Amino acid sequence: QKLLVAAEDFAAGYDAVVWLDSDVYVAPHAPSIAAACPEAKICGANQAAQLNRRARLFNQITRGYERTAREWYADRGVAFDSEDVLQSGVLVFWPRSHGALCREVYDAVTRSDAYRRHGEDQPFFSREFLRRGLVHFLDWEFNAVWDLHHNFVAVRPDDRGDKVELMARLLFVANFVHFTSLADVDLLPEARRGYDDLAARAACEGACAA
């Protein structure tokens, strides 16, 4: 139902509306995501290219998942010849441009047999918005999926200390970190302390180094 956020009455009073899944962490240093989104475009990260396309391919290969965006859509009952996927955890809408459209797409998605079988709305509205040329992809820093980053860089994936250190670094370099399915979110307080240390060091000028 995230599509309806731009179609609700309250949205008419705002230039832009941002949807965040409940498992998304916003870093203290994060800039305005609306400022990064061109007006009249629907903005989000490209799930098929995080950190880049080869990093995504690495994750898919090592986990035995589908390798291409086309296969991802097909596995979910959607026929779409595209190399891109709009990740739905963080989205920016412009209600004046998208309110009615989002209601239209929502109604079409929820009526489809494929949606009823798979129960996942992301492939359907990703296809609809992409094929209409409405999507502007933001840098991965606006939706850094923790699980993908951890799988890509971790040498000792089950080591708690390594996880905390890596998470702190990701909090430092990303703007929004997405803990899909709340993966490892219990480590966030420790990682936040690591982030605070990195931020303090970054803010420290020459006198601190001396």
Protein backbone atom coordinates (compact mmCIF):
# COMPACT_ATOMS: atom_id res chain seq x y z
CA GLN A 1 0.00 0.00 0.00
CA LYS A 2 3.01 2.31 -0.12
CA LEU A 3 1.78 3.45 -3.52
CA LEU A 4 -1.15 5.15 -1.82
CA VAL A 5 1.03 7.52 0.21
CA ALA A 6 1.08 9.98 -2.69
CA ALA A 7 -2.65 9.59 -3.30
CA GLU A 8 -3.89 10.33 0.22
CA ASP A 9 -5.55 13.67 0.94
CA PHE A 10 -2.79 14.82 3.29
CA ALA A 11 -0.19 14.49 0.51
CA ALA A 12 -1.77 17.33 -1.47
CA GLY A 13 -0.29 19.76 1.03
CA TYR A 14 3.30 18.74 0.25
CA ASP A 15 5.58 19.19 -2.73
CA ALA A 16 7.23 15.79 -2.21
CA VAL A 17 6.40 12.74 -0.11
CA VAL A 18 9.02 10.22 0.96
CA TRP A 19 8.20 6.59 1.70
CA LEU A 20 10.55 4.71 4.03
CA ASP A 21 10.13 1.08 5.02
CA SER A 22 10.20 0.64 8.78
CA ASP A 23 13.56 -1.17 8.57
CA VAL A 24 15.40 1.81 7.00
CA TYR A 25 17.91 3.74 9.13
CA VAL A 26 18.53 7.38 8.25
CA ALA A 27 22.07 8.50 9.03
CA PRO A 28 22.50 11.74 10.99
CA HIS A 29 24.50 13.28 8.14
CA ALA A 30 21.99 12.37 5.41
CA PRO A 31 21.10 15.23 3.04
CA SER A 32 17.57 15.88 1.81
CA ILE A 33 16.53 13.02 -0.41
CA ALA A 34 13.83 15.19 -1.99
CA ALA A 35 16.51 17.63 -3.12
CA ALA A 36 18.19 14.76 -4.99
CA CYS A 37 14.98 13.88 -6.84
CA PRO A 38 14.00 15.84 -9.97
CA GLU A 39 10.46 17.15 -9.79
CA ALA A 40 7.86 14.94 -11.47
CA LYS A 41 10.14 11.89 -11.28
CA ILE A 42 9.67 8.90 -8.97
CA CYS A 43 13.00 8.35 -7.28
CA GLY A 44 14.61 5.36 -5.62
CA ALA A 45 17.63 3.10 -5.85
CA ASN A 46 18.26 0.53 -8.57
CA GLN A 47 18.06 -2.89 -6.93
CA ALA A 48 19.79 -4.45 -9.94
CA ALA A 49 22.88 -2.26 -9.60
CA GLN A 50 23.94 -2.12 -5.96
CA LEU A 51 26.82 -1.29 -5.39
CA ASN A 52 27.13 -1.68 -9.13
CA ARG A 53 25.92 -4.35 -11.53
CA ARG A 54 28.85 -6.70 -10.99
CA ALA A 55 28.55 -6.44 -7.21
CA ARG A 56 24.87 -7.34 -7.56
CA LEU A 57 25.82 -10.26 -9.81
CA PHE A 58 28.30 -11.46 -7.18
CA ASN A 59 25.56 -11.53 -4.56
CA GLN A 60 23.18 -13.39 -6.84
CA ILE A 61 25.79 -15.98 -7.87
CA THR A 62 27.00 -16.70 -4.34
CA ARG A 63 23.46 -17.13 -3.07
CA GLY A 64 22.06 -19.09 -5.97
CA TYR A 65 19.49 -16.47 -6.90
CA GLU A 66 18.34 -15.32 -10.33
CA ARG A 67 21.09 -13.40 -12.12
CA THR A 68 19.24 -10.81 -14.19
CA ALA A 69 16.48 -8.30 -13.63
CA ARG A 70 14.47 -10.03 -16.35
CA GLU A 71 14.63 -13.29 -14.40
CA TRP A 72 13.74 -11.45 -11.19
CA TYR A 73 10.56 -10.10 -12.78
CA ALA A 74 9.69 -13.44 -14.39
CA ASP A 75 10.08 -15.31 -11.09
CA ARG A 76 7.40 -13.01 -9.70
CA GLY A 77 4.98 -13.41 -12.56
CA VAL A 78 5.85 -10.20 -14.41
CA ALA A 79 7.00 -10.15 -18.03
CA PHE A 80 9.32 -7.17 -18.45
CA ASP A 81 12.42 -6.88 -20.59
CA SER A 82 14.51 -4.57 -18.44
CA GLU A 83 17.89 -4.52 -16.73
CA ASP A 84 16.59 -2.33 -13.89
CA VAL A 85 14.47 -2.74 -10.75
CA LEU A 86 13.10 0.12 -8.66
CA GLN A 87 13.77 -0.88 -5.04
CA SER A 88 10.69 -0.05 -3.00
CA GLY A 89 12.14 0.48 0.48
CA VAL A 90 12.87 4.17 -0.13
CA LEU A 91 10.79 6.14 -2.62
CA VAL A 92 10.18 9.80 -3.41
CA PHE A 93 6.89 10.88 -4.99
CA TRP A 94 5.58 14.27 -6.12
CA PRO A 95 1.86 14.15 -5.23
CA ARG A 96 0.74 16.70 -7.84
CA SER A 97 2.35 14.57 -10.55
CA HIS A 98 1.89 11.07 -9.14
CA GLY A 99 -1.14 10.98 -6.85
CA ALA A 100 -3.69 9.84 -9.41
CA LEU A 101 -1.16 7.63 -11.20
CA CYS A 102 -0.22 5.82 -7.98
CA ARG A 103 -3.88 5.09 -7.28
CA GLU A 104 -4.30 3.79 -10.84
CA VAL A 105 -1.26 1.52 -10.58
CA TYR A 106 -2.24 0.31 -7.10
CA ASP A 107 -5.72 -0.67 -8.30
CA ALA A 108 -4.29 -2.48 -11.34
CA VAL A 109 -1.69 -4.34 -9.27
CA THR A 110 -4.09 -5.54 -6.59
CA ARG A 111 -6.51 -6.83 -9.24
CA SER A 112 -3.89 -8.91 -11.05
CA ASP A 113 -3.81 -12.69 -10.67
CA ALA A 114 0.00 -12.68 -10.53
CA TYR A 115 -0.03 -10.31 -7.55
CA ARG A 116 -2.54 -12.53 -5.76
CA ARG A 117 -0.30 -15.54 -6.37
CA HIS A 118 3.00 -13.92 -5.36
CA GLY A 119 1.85 -11.23 -2.94
CA GLU A 120 4.68 -8.85 -3.90
CA ASP A 121 3.90 -5.43 -5.33
CA GLN A 122 7.43 -4.21 -6.13
CA PRO A 123 7.86 -5.97 -9.52
CA PHE A 124 4.53 -4.64 -10.73
CA PHE A 125 4.96 -0.98 -9.92
CA SER A 126 8.65 -1.09 -10.86
CA ARG A 127 7.57 -2.21 -14.33
CA GLU A 128 4.80 0.36 -14.58
CA PHE A 129 6.93 3.32 -13.54
CA LEU A 130 9.95 2.27 -15.62
CA ARG A 131 8.01 1.64 -18.81
CA ARG A 132 6.38 5.08 -18.48
CA GLY A 133 9.80 6.71 -18.17
CA LEU A 134 9.02 8.14 -14.73
CA VAL A 135 11.94 6.76 -12.73
CA HIS A 136 15.06 8.63 -11.71
CA PHE A 137 17.55 6.35 -9.98
CA LEU A 138 19.29 7.76 -6.93
CA ASP A 139 22.79 6.79 -5.86
CA TRP A 140 22.95 3.58 -3.83
CA GLU A 141 23.78 5.65 -0.73
CA PHE A 142 20.07 6.51 -0.46
CA ASN A 143 19.12 2.85 -0.02
CA ALA A 144 22.19 0.84 0.99
CA VAL A 145 20.87 -2.67 1.62
CA TRP A 146 22.88 -3.98 4.55
CA ASP A 147 22.52 -7.65 3.70
CA LEU A 148 23.90 -7.17 0.18
CA HIS A 149 26.84 -5.09 1.33
CA HIS A 150 27.71 -7.54 4.08
CA ASN A 151 27.58 -10.51 1.73
CA PHE A 152 29.77 -8.72 -0.79
CA VAL A 153 32.63 -7.62 1.47
CA ALA A 154 32.59 -9.94 4.49
CA VAL A 155 35.43 -12.47 4.71
CA ARG A 156 34.20 -13.89 8.02
CA PRO A 157 30.45 -13.38 7.59
CA ASP A 158 29.48 -14.88 10.97
CA ASP A 159 31.98 -12.91 13.07
CA ARG A 160 30.03 -10.47 15.25
CA GLY A 161 32.91 -8.01 15.63
CA ASP A 162 33.45 -7.88 11.89
CA LYS A 163 29.74 -7.28 11.33
CA VAL A 164 29.67 -4.39 13.78
CA GLU A 165 32.75 -2.78 12.22
CA LEU A 166 31.40 -3.13 8.69
CA MET A 167 28.00 -1.81 9.73
CA ALA A 168 29.59 1.24 11.36
CA ARG A 169 31.48 1.95 8.16
CA LEU A 170 28.34 1.59 6.06
CA LEU A 171 26.46 3.96 8.38
CA PHE A 172 29.30 6.44 7.86
CA VAL A 173 29.38 6.32 4.06
CA ALA A 174 25.67 5.80 3.27
CA ASN A 175 22.73 8.11 3.80
CA PHE A 176 19.99 5.51 4.30
CA VAL A 177 20.76 1.92 5.35
CA HIS A 178 18.11 -0.69 4.67
CA PHE A 179 18.02 -3.62 7.09
CA THR A 180 15.74 -5.81 5.00
CA SER A 181 13.75 -8.25 7.14
CA LEU A 182 15.50 -6.59 10.12
CA ALA A 183 18.69 -8.56 9.37
CA ASP A 184 21.30 -7.92 12.12
CA VAL A 185 19.41 -4.84 13.34
CA ASP A 186 20.28 -5.89 16.91
CA LEU A 187 23.87 -4.83 16.14
CA LEU A 188 22.83 -1.28 15.32
CA PRO A 189 23.49 0.26 18.78
CA GLU A 190 27.08 -1.03 18.73
CA ALA A 191 27.56 0.04 15.12
CA ARG A 192 26.18 3.48 15.94
CA ARG A 193 28.93 3.93 18.55
CA GLY A 194 31.46 3.06 15.86
CA TYR A 195 29.79 5.57 13.55
CA ASP A 196 29.96 8.27 16.24
CA ASP A 197 33.70 7.64 16.61
CA LEU A 198 34.26 7.89 12.85
CA ALA A 199 32.17 11.04 12.64
CA ALA A 200 34.10 12.67 15.48
CA ARG A 201 37.40 11.82 13.81
CA ALA A 202 36.15 13.18 10.48
CA ALA A 203 35.07 16.45 12.12
CA CYS A 204 38.37 16.82 13.95
CA GLU A 205 40.73 19.37 12.41
CA GLY A 206 44.52 19.57 12.55
CA ALA A 207 44.65 20.43 16.22
CA CYS A 208 42.95 17.16 17.12
CA ALA A 209 45.41 15.16 15.04
CA ALA A 210 48.29 16.84 16.81
